[in-house]
Amino acid sequence: MFVDHGVPDLQFSAEKSKNELKLENKKILTTFGFIGRNKGIKTVIKALPKVIEKQPNVIYMILGKTHPNVLRHSGEEYRIFLMRLIKNL
């Protein structure tokens, strides 16, 4: 199987992975791939405080690097903005 951007087709056990990361009792939301403004990451982060009020075992994992075009035009500005937003919330 071929997936754009070189994402490998890996076999894994979600249960085993959650155990290894000590996330056994967590509900995990994920965003993966290139990070850019059009992925809705900011929207999820802003919504999380209310989600966590009702579901305190939710965790949001953002996996990926900044999109090359974003890096070229504005560096890590967006990633830094997201990290500050997380810290403030």
PDB file of N, CA and C in Angstrom:
ATOM      1  N   MET A   1       0.834  -1.171   0.000  1.00  0.00           N
ATOM      2  CA  MET A   1       0.000   0.000   0.000  1.00  0.00           C
ATOM      3  C   MET A   1       0.885   1.241   0.000  1.00  0.00           C
ATOM      4  N   PHE A   2       0.554   2.227  -0.806  1.00  0.00           N
ATOM      5  CA  PHE A   2       1.296   3.471  -0.861  1.00  0.00           C
ATOM      6  C   PHE A   2       0.414   4.606  -0.358  1.00  0.00           C
ATOM      7  N   VAL A   3       0.947   5.412   0.560  1.00  0.00           N
ATOM      8  CA  VAL A   3       0.224   6.560   1.079  1.00  0.00           C
ATOM      9  C   VAL A   3       1.099   7.786   0.841  1.00  0.00           C
ATOM     10  N   ASP A   4       0.488   8.854   0.300  1.00  0.00           N
ATOM     11  CA  ASP A   4       1.247  10.090   0.063  1.00  0.00           C
ATOM     12  C   ASP A   4       1.963  10.548   1.318  1.00  0.00           C
ATOM     13  N   HIS A   5       3.029  11.277   1.148  1.00  0.00           N
ATOM     14  CA  HIS A   5       3.865  11.838   2.203  1.00  0.00           C
ATOM     15  C   HIS A   5       4.637  10.765   2.969  1.00  0.00           C
ATOM     16  N   GLY A   6       4.686   9.545   2.446  1.00  0.00           N
ATOM     17  CA  GLY A   6       5.547   8.528   3.021  1.00  0.00           C
ATOM     18  C   GLY A   6       5.087   7.920   4.324  1.00  0.00           C
ATOM     19  N   VAL A   7       3.800   7.953   4.608  1.00  0.00           N
ATOM     20  CA  VAL A   7       3.308   7.333   5.833  1.00  0.00           C
ATOM     21  C   VAL A   7       3.327   5.818   5.641  1.00  0.00           C
ATOM     22  N   PRO A   8       4.069   5.097   6.483  1.00  0.00           N
ATOM     23  CA  PRO A   8       4.177   3.647   6.297  1.00  0.00           C
ATOM     24  C   PRO A   8       2.919   2.907   6.739  1.00  0.00           C
ATOM     25  N   ASP A   9       2.684   1.770   6.148  1.00  0.00           N
ATOM     26  CA  ASP A   9       1.571   0.897   6.505  1.00  0.00           C
ATOM     27  C   ASP A   9       2.069  -0.029   7.612  1.00  0.00           C
ATOM     28  N   LEU A  10       1.801   0.343   8.866  1.00  0.00           N
ATOM     29  CA  LEU A  10       2.309  -0.401  10.004  1.00  0.00           C
ATOM     30  C   LEU A  10       1.183  -1.147  10.710  1.00  0.00           C
ATOM     31  N   GLN A  11       1.503  -2.323  11.200  1.00  0.00           N
ATOM     32  CA  GLN A  11       0.573  -3.065  12.026  1.00  0.00           C
ATOM     33  C   GLN A  11       0.861  -2.711  13.480  1.00  0.00           C
ATOM     34  N   PHE A  12      -0.187  -2.462  14.249  1.00  0.00           N
ATOM     35  CA  PHE A  12       0.021  -2.162  15.657  1.00  0.00           C
ATOM     36  C   PHE A  12      -1.230  -2.533  16.441  1.00  0.00           C
ATOM     37  N   SER A  13      -1.057  -2.651  17.718  1.00  0.00           N
ATOM     38  CA  SER A  13      -2.155  -2.923  18.623  1.00  0.00           C
ATOM     39  C   SER A  13      -2.445  -1.642  19.394  1.00  0.00           C
ATOM     40  N   ALA A  14      -3.659  -1.114  19.259  1.00  0.00           N
ATOM     41  CA  ALA A  14      -4.021   0.105  19.980  1.00  0.00           C
ATOM     42  C   ALA A  14      -3.896  -0.108  21.476  1.00  0.00           C
ATOM     43  N   GLU A  15      -4.321  -1.274  21.950  1.00  0.00           N
ATOM     44  CA  GLU A  15      -4.248  -1.568  23.385  1.00  0.00           C
ATOM     45  C   GLU A  15      -2.794  -1.569  23.874  1.00  0.00           C
ATOM     46  N   LYS A  16      -1.914  -2.232  23.130  1.00  0.00           N
ATOM     47  CA  LYS A  16      -0.502  -2.296  23.513  1.00  0.00           C
ATOM     48  C   LYS A  16       0.124  -0.897  23.479  1.00  0.00           C
ATOM     49  N   SER A  17      -0.195  -0.126  22.457  1.00  0.00           N
ATOM     50  CA  SER A  17       0.358   1.225  22.344  1.00  0.00           C
ATOM     51  C   SER A  17      -0.109   2.105  23.502  1.00  0.00           C
ATOM     52  N   LYS A  18      -1.389   2.012  23.849  1.00  0.00           N
ATOM     53  CA  LYS A  18      -1.900   2.800  24.975  1.00  0.00           C
ATOM     54  C   LYS A  18      -1.203   2.397  26.276  1.00  0.00           C
ATOM     55  N   ASN A  19      -0.951   1.102  26.443  1.00  0.00           N
ATOM     56  CA  ASN A  19      -0.247   0.641  27.640  1.00  0.00           C
ATOM     57  C   ASN A  19       1.177   1.196  27.690  1.00  0.00           C
ATOM     58  N   GLU A  20       1.890   1.139  26.556  1.00  0.00           N
ATOM     59  CA  GLU A  20       3.265   1.629  26.500  1.00  0.00           C
ATOM     60  C   GLU A  20       3.351   3.126  26.806  1.00  0.00           C
ATOM     61  N   LEU A  21       2.338   3.873  26.387  1.00  0.00           N
ATOM     62  CA  LEU A  21       2.330   5.322  26.607  1.00  0.00           C
ATOM     63  C   LEU A  21       1.635   5.718  27.912  1.00  0.00           C
ATOM     64  N   LYS A  22       1.229   4.701  28.688  1.00  0.00           N
ATOM     65  CA  LYS A  22       0.525   4.929  29.956  1.00  0.00           C
ATOM     66  C   LYS A  22      -0.753   5.740  29.748  1.00  0.00           C
ATOM     67  N   LEU A  23      -1.497   5.372  28.718  1.00  0.00           N
ATOM     68  CA  LEU A  23      -2.753   6.047  28.381  1.00  0.00           C
ATOM     69  C   LEU A  23      -3.936   5.077  28.402  1.00  0.00           C
ATOM     70  N   GLU A  24      -3.822   4.035  29.216  1.00  0.00           N
ATOM     71  CA  GLU A  24      -4.820   2.959  29.227  1.00  0.00           C
ATOM     72  C   GLU A  24      -6.237   3.468  29.450  1.00  0.00           C
ATOM     73  N   ASN A  25      -6.403   4.442  30.318  1.00  0.00           N
ATOM     74  CA  ASN A  25      -7.739   4.913  30.676  1.00  0.00           C
ATOM     75  C   ASN A  25      -8.111   6.224  29.997  1.00  0.00           C
ATOM     76  N   LYS A  26      -7.444   6.531  28.907  1.00  0.00           N
ATOM     77  CA  LYS A  26      -7.697   7.787  28.200  1.00  0.00           C
ATOM     78  C   LYS A  26      -8.479   7.543  26.908  1.00  0.00           C
ATOM     79  N   LYS A  27      -9.302   8.515  26.571  1.00  0.00           N
ATOM     80  CA  LYS A  27      -9.932   8.566  25.255  1.00  0.00           C
ATOM     81  C   LYS A  27      -9.063   9.521  24.446  1.00  0.00           C
ATOM     82  N   ILE A  28      -8.512   9.030  23.357  1.00  0.00           N
ATOM     83  CA  ILE A  28      -7.512   9.795  22.609  1.00  0.00           C
ATOM     84  C   ILE A  28      -8.093  10.338  21.316  1.00  0.00           C
ATOM     85  N   LEU A  29      -7.976  11.651  21.155  1.00  0.00           N
ATOM     86  CA  LEU A  29      -8.286  12.315  19.895  1.00  0.00           C
ATOM     87  C   LEU A  29      -6.946  12.598  19.236  1.00  0.00           C
ATOM     88  N   THR A  30      -6.847  12.388  17.928  1.00  0.00           N
ATOM     89  CA  THR A  30      -5.569  12.633  17.263  1.00  0.00           C
ATOM     90  C   THR A  30      -5.731  13.459  15.996  1.00  0.00           C
ATOM     91  N   THR A  31      -4.712  14.212  15.724  1.00  0.00           N
ATOM     92  CA  THR A  31      -4.516  14.883  14.443  1.00  0.00           C
ATOM     93  C   THR A  31      -3.108  14.495  14.024  1.00  0.00           C
ATOM     94  N   PHE A  32      -2.952  14.045  12.787  1.00  0.00           N
ATOM     95  CA  PHE A  32      -1.615  13.664  12.360  1.00  0.00           C
ATOM     96  C   PHE A  32      -1.358  14.117  10.939  1.00  0.00           C
ATOM     97  N   GLY A  33      -0.081  14.234  10.631  1.00  0.00           N
ATOM     98  CA  GLY A  33       0.335  14.699   9.308  1.00  0.00           C
ATOM     99  C   GLY A  33       0.916  16.095   9.423  1.00  0.00           C
ATOM    100  N   PHE A  34       1.018  16.761   8.282  1.00  0.00           N
ATOM    101  CA  PHE A  34       1.559  18.122   8.284  1.00  0.00           C
ATOM    102  C   PHE A  34       0.642  19.051   9.063  1.00  0.00           C
ATOM    103  N   ILE A  35       1.247  19.946   9.816  1.00  0.00           N
ATOM    104  CA  ILE A  35       0.501  20.908  10.611  1.00  0.00           C
ATOM    105  C   ILE A  35       0.404  22.219   9.839  1.00  0.00           C
ATOM    106  N   GLY A  36      -0.834  22.663   9.683  1.00  0.00           N
ATOM    107  CA  GLY A  36      -1.104  23.920   8.997  1.00  0.00           C
ATOM    108  C   GLY A  36      -2.412  24.505   9.497  1.00  0.00           C
ATOM    109  N   ARG A  37      -2.665  25.732   9.141  1.00  0.00           N
ATOM    110  CA  ARG A  37      -3.836  26.463   9.641  1.00  0.00           C
ATOM    111  C   ARG A  37      -5.166  25.864   9.191  1.00  0.00           C
ATOM    112  N   ASN A  38      -5.200  25.117   8.135  1.00  0.00           N
ATOM    113  CA  ASN A  38      -6.480  24.632   7.599  1.00  0.00           C
ATOM    114  C   ASN A  38      -6.896  23.265   8.137  1.00  0.00           C
ATOM    115  N   LYS A  39      -6.256  22.770   9.172  1.00  0.00           N
ATOM    116  CA  LYS A  39      -6.584  21.449   9.716  1.00  0.00           C
ATOM    117  C   LYS A  39      -7.590  21.490  10.856  1.00  0.00           C
ATOM    118  N   GLY A  40      -7.900  22.655  11.375  1.00  0.00           N
ATOM    119  CA  GLY A  40      -8.850  22.754  12.460  1.00  0.00           C
ATOM    120  C   GLY A  40      -8.268  22.475  13.841  1.00  0.00           C
ATOM    121  N   ILE A  41      -6.967  22.444  13.947  1.00  0.00           N
ATOM    122  CA  ILE A  41      -6.319  22.144  15.222  1.00  0.00           C
ATOM    123  C   ILE A  41      -6.687  23.193  16.270  1.00  0.00           C
ATOM    124  N   LYS A  42      -6.656  24.464  15.881  1.00  0.00           N
ATOM    125  CA  LYS A  42      -6.995  25.545  16.805  1.00  0.00           C
ATOM    126  C   LYS A  42      -8.428  25.379  17.326  1.00  0.00           C
ATOM    127  N   THR A  43      -9.334  24.983  16.472  1.00  0.00           N
ATOM    128  CA  THR A  43     -10.734  24.798  16.864  1.00  0.00           C
ATOM    129  C   THR A  43     -10.862  23.706  17.916  1.00  0.00           C
ATOM    130  N   VAL A  44     -10.157  22.598  17.711  1.00  0.00           N
ATOM    131  CA  VAL A  44     -10.201  21.493  18.680  1.00  0.00           C
ATOM    132  C   VAL A  44      -9.616  21.949  20.011  1.00  0.00           C
ATOM    133  N   ILE A  45      -8.476  22.612  19.975  1.00  0.00           N
ATOM    134  CA  ILE A  45      -7.834  23.065  21.210  1.00  0.00           C
ATOM    135  C   ILE A  45      -8.761  23.994  21.987  1.00  0.00           C
ATOM    136  N   LYS A  46      -9.420  24.921  21.297  1.00  0.00           N
ATOM    137  CA  LYS A  46     -10.328  25.850  21.973  1.00  0.00           C
ATOM    138  C   LYS A  46     -11.545  25.137  22.561  1.00  0.00           C
ATOM    139  N   ALA A  47     -11.969  24.050  21.949  1.00  0.00           N
ATOM    140  CA  ALA A  47     -13.136  23.308  22.434  1.00  0.00           C
ATOM    141  C   ALA A  47     -12.803  22.378  23.597  1.00  0.00           C
ATOM    142  N   LEU A  48     -11.549  22.000  23.738  1.00  0.00           N
ATOM    143  CA  LEU A  48     -11.150  20.994  24.724  1.00  0.00           C
ATOM    144  C   LEU A  48     -11.509  21.306  26.181  1.00  0.00           C
ATOM    145  N   PRO A  49     -11.368  22.531  26.660  1.00  0.00           N
ATOM    146  CA  PRO A  49     -11.721  22.757  28.066  1.00  0.00           C
ATOM    147  C   PRO A  49     -13.155  22.319  28.396  1.00  0.00           C
ATOM    148  N   LYS A  50     -14.113  22.614  27.524  1.00  0.00           N
ATOM    149  CA  LYS A  50     -15.503  22.198  27.773  1.00  0.00           C
ATOM    150  C   LYS A  50     -15.669  20.695  27.620  1.00  0.00           C
ATOM    151  N   VAL A  51     -14.952  20.101  26.684  1.00  0.00           N
ATOM    152  CA  VAL A  51     -15.002  18.648  26.509  1.00  0.00           C
ATOM    153  C   VAL A  51     -14.465  17.969  27.766  1.00  0.00           C
ATOM    154  N   ILE A  52     -13.352  18.461  28.256  1.00  0.00           N
ATOM    155  CA  ILE A  52     -12.693  17.851  29.412  1.00  0.00           C
ATOM    156  C   ILE A  52     -13.517  18.024  30.694  1.00  0.00           C
ATOM    157  N   GLU A  53     -14.317  19.092  30.766  1.00  0.00           N
ATOM    158  CA  GLU A  53     -15.226  19.240  31.913  1.00  0.00           C
ATOM    159  C   GLU A  53     -16.153  18.029  32.027  1.00  0.00           C
ATOM    160  N   LYS A  54     -16.624  17.541  30.884  1.00  0.00           N
ATOM    161  CA  LYS A  54     -17.569  16.415  30.869  1.00  0.00           C
ATOM    162  C   LYS A  54     -16.881  15.069  30.708  1.00  0.00           C
ATOM    163  N   GLN A  55     -15.719  15.066  30.083  1.00  0.00           N
ATOM    164  CA  GLN A  55     -14.954  13.836  29.839  1.00  0.00           C
ATOM    165  C   GLN A  55     -13.493  14.069  30.229  1.00  0.00           C
ATOM    166  N   PRO A  56     -13.179  14.041  31.533  1.00  0.00           N
ATOM    167  CA  PRO A  56     -11.820  14.386  31.968  1.00  0.00           C
ATOM    168  C   PRO A  56     -10.731  13.418  31.506  1.00  0.00           C
ATOM    169  N   ASN A  57     -11.102  12.284  30.944  1.00  0.00           N
ATOM    170  CA  ASN A  57     -10.093  11.333  30.491  1.00  0.00           C
ATOM    171  C   ASN A  57      -9.745  11.503  29.008  1.00  0.00           C
ATOM    172  N   VAL A  58     -10.160  12.605  28.407  1.00  0.00           N
ATOM    173  CA  VAL A  58      -9.842  12.875  26.997  1.00  0.00           C
ATOM    174  C   VAL A  58      -8.465  13.519  26.896  1.00  0.00           C
ATOM    175  N   ILE A  59      -7.708  13.070  25.916  1.00  0.00           N
ATOM    176  CA  ILE A  59      -6.401  13.662  25.612  1.00  0.00           C
ATOM    177  C   ILE A  59      -6.341  13.894  24.096  1.00  0.00           C
ATOM    178  N   TYR A  60      -5.758  15.012  23.686  1.00  0.00           N
ATOM    179  CA  TYR A  60      -5.641  15.358  22.268  1.00  0.00           C
ATOM    180  C   TYR A  60      -4.167  15.300  21.886  1.00  0.00           C
ATOM    181  N   MET A  61      -3.836  14.409  20.959  1.00  0.00           N
ATOM    182  CA  MET A  61      -2.449  14.265  20.495  1.00  0.00           C
ATOM    183  C   MET A  61      -2.330  14.856  19.092  1.00  0.00           C
ATOM    184  N   ILE A  62      -1.370  15.739  18.930  1.00  0.00           N
ATOM    185  CA  ILE A  62      -1.084  16.335  17.626  1.00  0.00           C
ATOM    186  C   ILE A  62       0.254  15.769  17.187  1.00  0.00           C
ATOM    187  N   LEU A  63       0.240  15.007  16.118  1.00  0.00           N
ATOM    188  CA  LEU A  63       1.440  14.317  15.652  1.00  0.00           C
ATOM    189  C   LEU A  63       1.792  14.801  14.256  1.00  0.00           C
ATOM    190  N   GLY A  64       2.965  15.365  14.111  1.00  0.00           N
ATOM    191  CA  GLY A  64       3.386  15.781  12.782  1.00  0.00           C
ATOM    192  C   GLY A  64       4.302  16.988  12.840  1.00  0.00           C
ATOM    193  N   LYS A  65       4.804  17.314  11.694  1.00  0.00           N
ATOM    194  CA  LYS A  65       5.678  18.484  11.613  1.00  0.00           C
ATOM    195  C   LYS A  65       4.962  19.576  10.826  1.00  0.00           C
ATOM    196  N   THR A  66       5.461  20.772  10.951  1.00  0.00           N
ATOM    197  CA  THR A  66       4.874  21.905  10.252  1.00  0.00           C
ATOM    198  C   THR A  66       4.997  21.704   8.743  1.00  0.00           C
ATOM    199  N   HIS A  67       3.923  22.004   8.035  1.00  0.00           N
ATOM    200  CA  HIS A  67       3.903  21.843   6.579  1.00  0.00           C
ATOM    201  C   HIS A  67       5.049  22.650   5.964  1.00  0.00           C
ATOM    202  N   PRO A  68       5.754  22.086   4.984  1.00  0.00           N
ATOM    203  CA  PRO A  68       6.898  22.794   4.375  1.00  0.00           C
ATOM    204  C   PRO A  68       6.545  24.175   3.826  1.00  0.00           C
ATOM    205  N   ASN A  69       5.362  24.331   3.253  1.00  0.00           N
ATOM    206  CA  ASN A  69       4.974  25.652   2.733  1.00  0.00           C
ATOM    207  C   ASN A  69       4.776  26.656   3.855  1.00  0.00           C
ATOM    208  N   VAL A  70       4.226  26.199   4.977  1.00  0.00           N
ATOM    209  CA  VAL A  70       4.059  27.064   6.145  1.00  0.00           C
ATOM    210  C   VAL A  70       5.437  27.469   6.668  1.00  0.00           C
ATOM    211  N   LEU A  71       6.331  26.497   6.774  1.00  0.00           N
ATOM    212  CA  LEU A  71       7.697  26.792   7.232  1.00  0.00           C
ATOM    213  C   LEU A  71       8.368  27.838   6.344  1.00  0.00           C
ATOM    214  N   ARG A  72       8.203  27.673   5.055  1.00  0.00           N
ATOM    215  CA  ARG A  72       8.844  28.572   4.092  1.00  0.00           C
ATOM    216  C   ARG A  72       8.328  30.008   4.237  1.00  0.00           C
ATOM    217  N   HIS A  73       7.028  30.157   4.506  1.00  0.00           N
ATOM    218  CA  HIS A  73       6.435  31.494   4.554  1.00  0.00           C
ATOM    219  C   HIS A  73       6.416  32.124   5.943  1.00  0.00           C
ATOM    220  N   SER A  74       6.282  31.299   6.996  1.00  0.00           N
ATOM    221  CA  SER A  74       6.174  31.909   8.327  1.00  0.00           C
ATOM    222  C   SER A  74       6.889  31.124   9.414  1.00  0.00           C
ATOM    223  N   GLY A  75       7.748  30.208   9.033  1.00  0.00           N
ATOM    224  CA  GLY A  75       8.517  29.452  10.016  1.00  0.00           C
ATOM    225  C   GLY A  75       7.614  28.659  10.952  1.00  0.00           C
ATOM    226  N   GLU A  76       7.973  28.614  12.206  1.00  0.00           N
ATOM    227  CA  GLU A  76       7.216  27.860  13.214  1.00  0.00           C
ATOM    228  C   GLU A  76       6.201  28.733  13.942  1.00  0.00           C
ATOM    229  N   GLU A  77       5.869  29.874  13.355  1.00  0.00           N
ATOM    230  CA  GLU A  77       4.932  30.807  13.986  1.00  0.00           C
ATOM    231  C   GLU A  77       3.617  30.127  14.388  1.00  0.00           C
ATOM    232  N   TYR A  78       3.026  29.322  13.521  1.00  0.00           N
ATOM    233  CA  TYR A  78       1.743  28.688  13.822  1.00  0.00           C
ATOM    234  C   TYR A  78       1.883  27.646  14.933  1.00  0.00           C
ATOM    235  N   ARG A  79       2.927  26.846  14.891  1.00  0.00           N
ATOM    236  CA  ARG A  79       3.157  25.838  15.943  1.00  0.00           C
ATOM    237  C   ARG A  79       3.333  26.534  17.300  1.00  0.00           C
ATOM    238  N   ILE A  80       4.087  27.618  17.322  1.00  0.00           N
ATOM    239  CA  ILE A  80       4.297  28.374  18.560  1.00  0.00           C
ATOM    240  C   ILE A  80       2.965  28.946  19.050  1.00  0.00           C
ATOM    241  N   PHE A  81       2.164  29.467  18.119  1.00  0.00           N
ATOM    242  CA  PHE A  81       0.832  29.973  18.476  1.00  0.00           C
ATOM    243  C   PHE A  81      -0.005  28.874  19.127  1.00  0.00           C
ATOM    244  N   LEU A  82      -0.002  27.661  18.553  1.00  0.00           N
ATOM    245  CA  LEU A  82      -0.770  26.544  19.117  1.00  0.00           C
ATOM    246  C   LEU A  82      -0.268  26.172  20.509  1.00  0.00           C
ATOM    247  N   MET A  83       1.032  26.130  20.690  1.00  0.00           N
ATOM    248  CA  MET A  83       1.586  25.782  22.003  1.00  0.00           C
ATOM    249  C   MET A  83       1.214  26.824  23.055  1.00  0.00           C
ATOM    250  N   ARG A  84       1.211  28.091  22.683  1.00  0.00           N
ATOM    251  CA  ARG A  84       0.798  29.155  23.626  1.00  0.00           C
ATOM    252  C   ARG A  84      -0.692  29.030  23.949  1.00  0.00           C
ATOM    253  N   LEU A  85      -1.490  28.724  22.945  1.00  0.00           N
ATOM    254  CA  LEU A  85      -2.926  28.555  23.146  1.00  0.00           C
ATOM    255  C   LEU A  85      -3.187  27.419  24.134  1.00  0.00           C
ATOM    256  N   ILE A  86      -2.476  26.324  23.957  1.00  0.00           N
ATOM    257  CA  ILE A  86      -2.613  25.176  24.869  1.00  0.00           C
ATOM    258  C   ILE A  86      -2.238  25.596  26.289  1.00  0.00           C
ATOM    259  N   LYS A  87      -1.139  26.266  26.439  1.00  0.00           N
ATOM    260  CA  LYS A  87      -0.667  26.677  27.760  1.00  0.00           C
ATOM    261  C   LYS A  87      -1.680  27.617  28.423  1.00  0.00           C
ATOM    262  N   ASN A  88      -2.244  28.537  27.652  1.00  0.00           N
ATOM    263  CA  ASN A  88      -3.193  29.504  28.209  1.00  0.00           C
ATOM    264  C   ASN A  88      -4.534  28.882  28.579  1.00  0.00           C
ATOM    265  N   LEU A  89      -4.896  27.811  27.910  1.00  0.00           N
ATOM    266  CA  LEU A  89      -6.180  27.178  28.198  1.00  0.00           C
ATOM    267  C   LEU A  89      -6.030  26.102  29.272  1.00  0.00           C
TER     268      LEU A  89
END
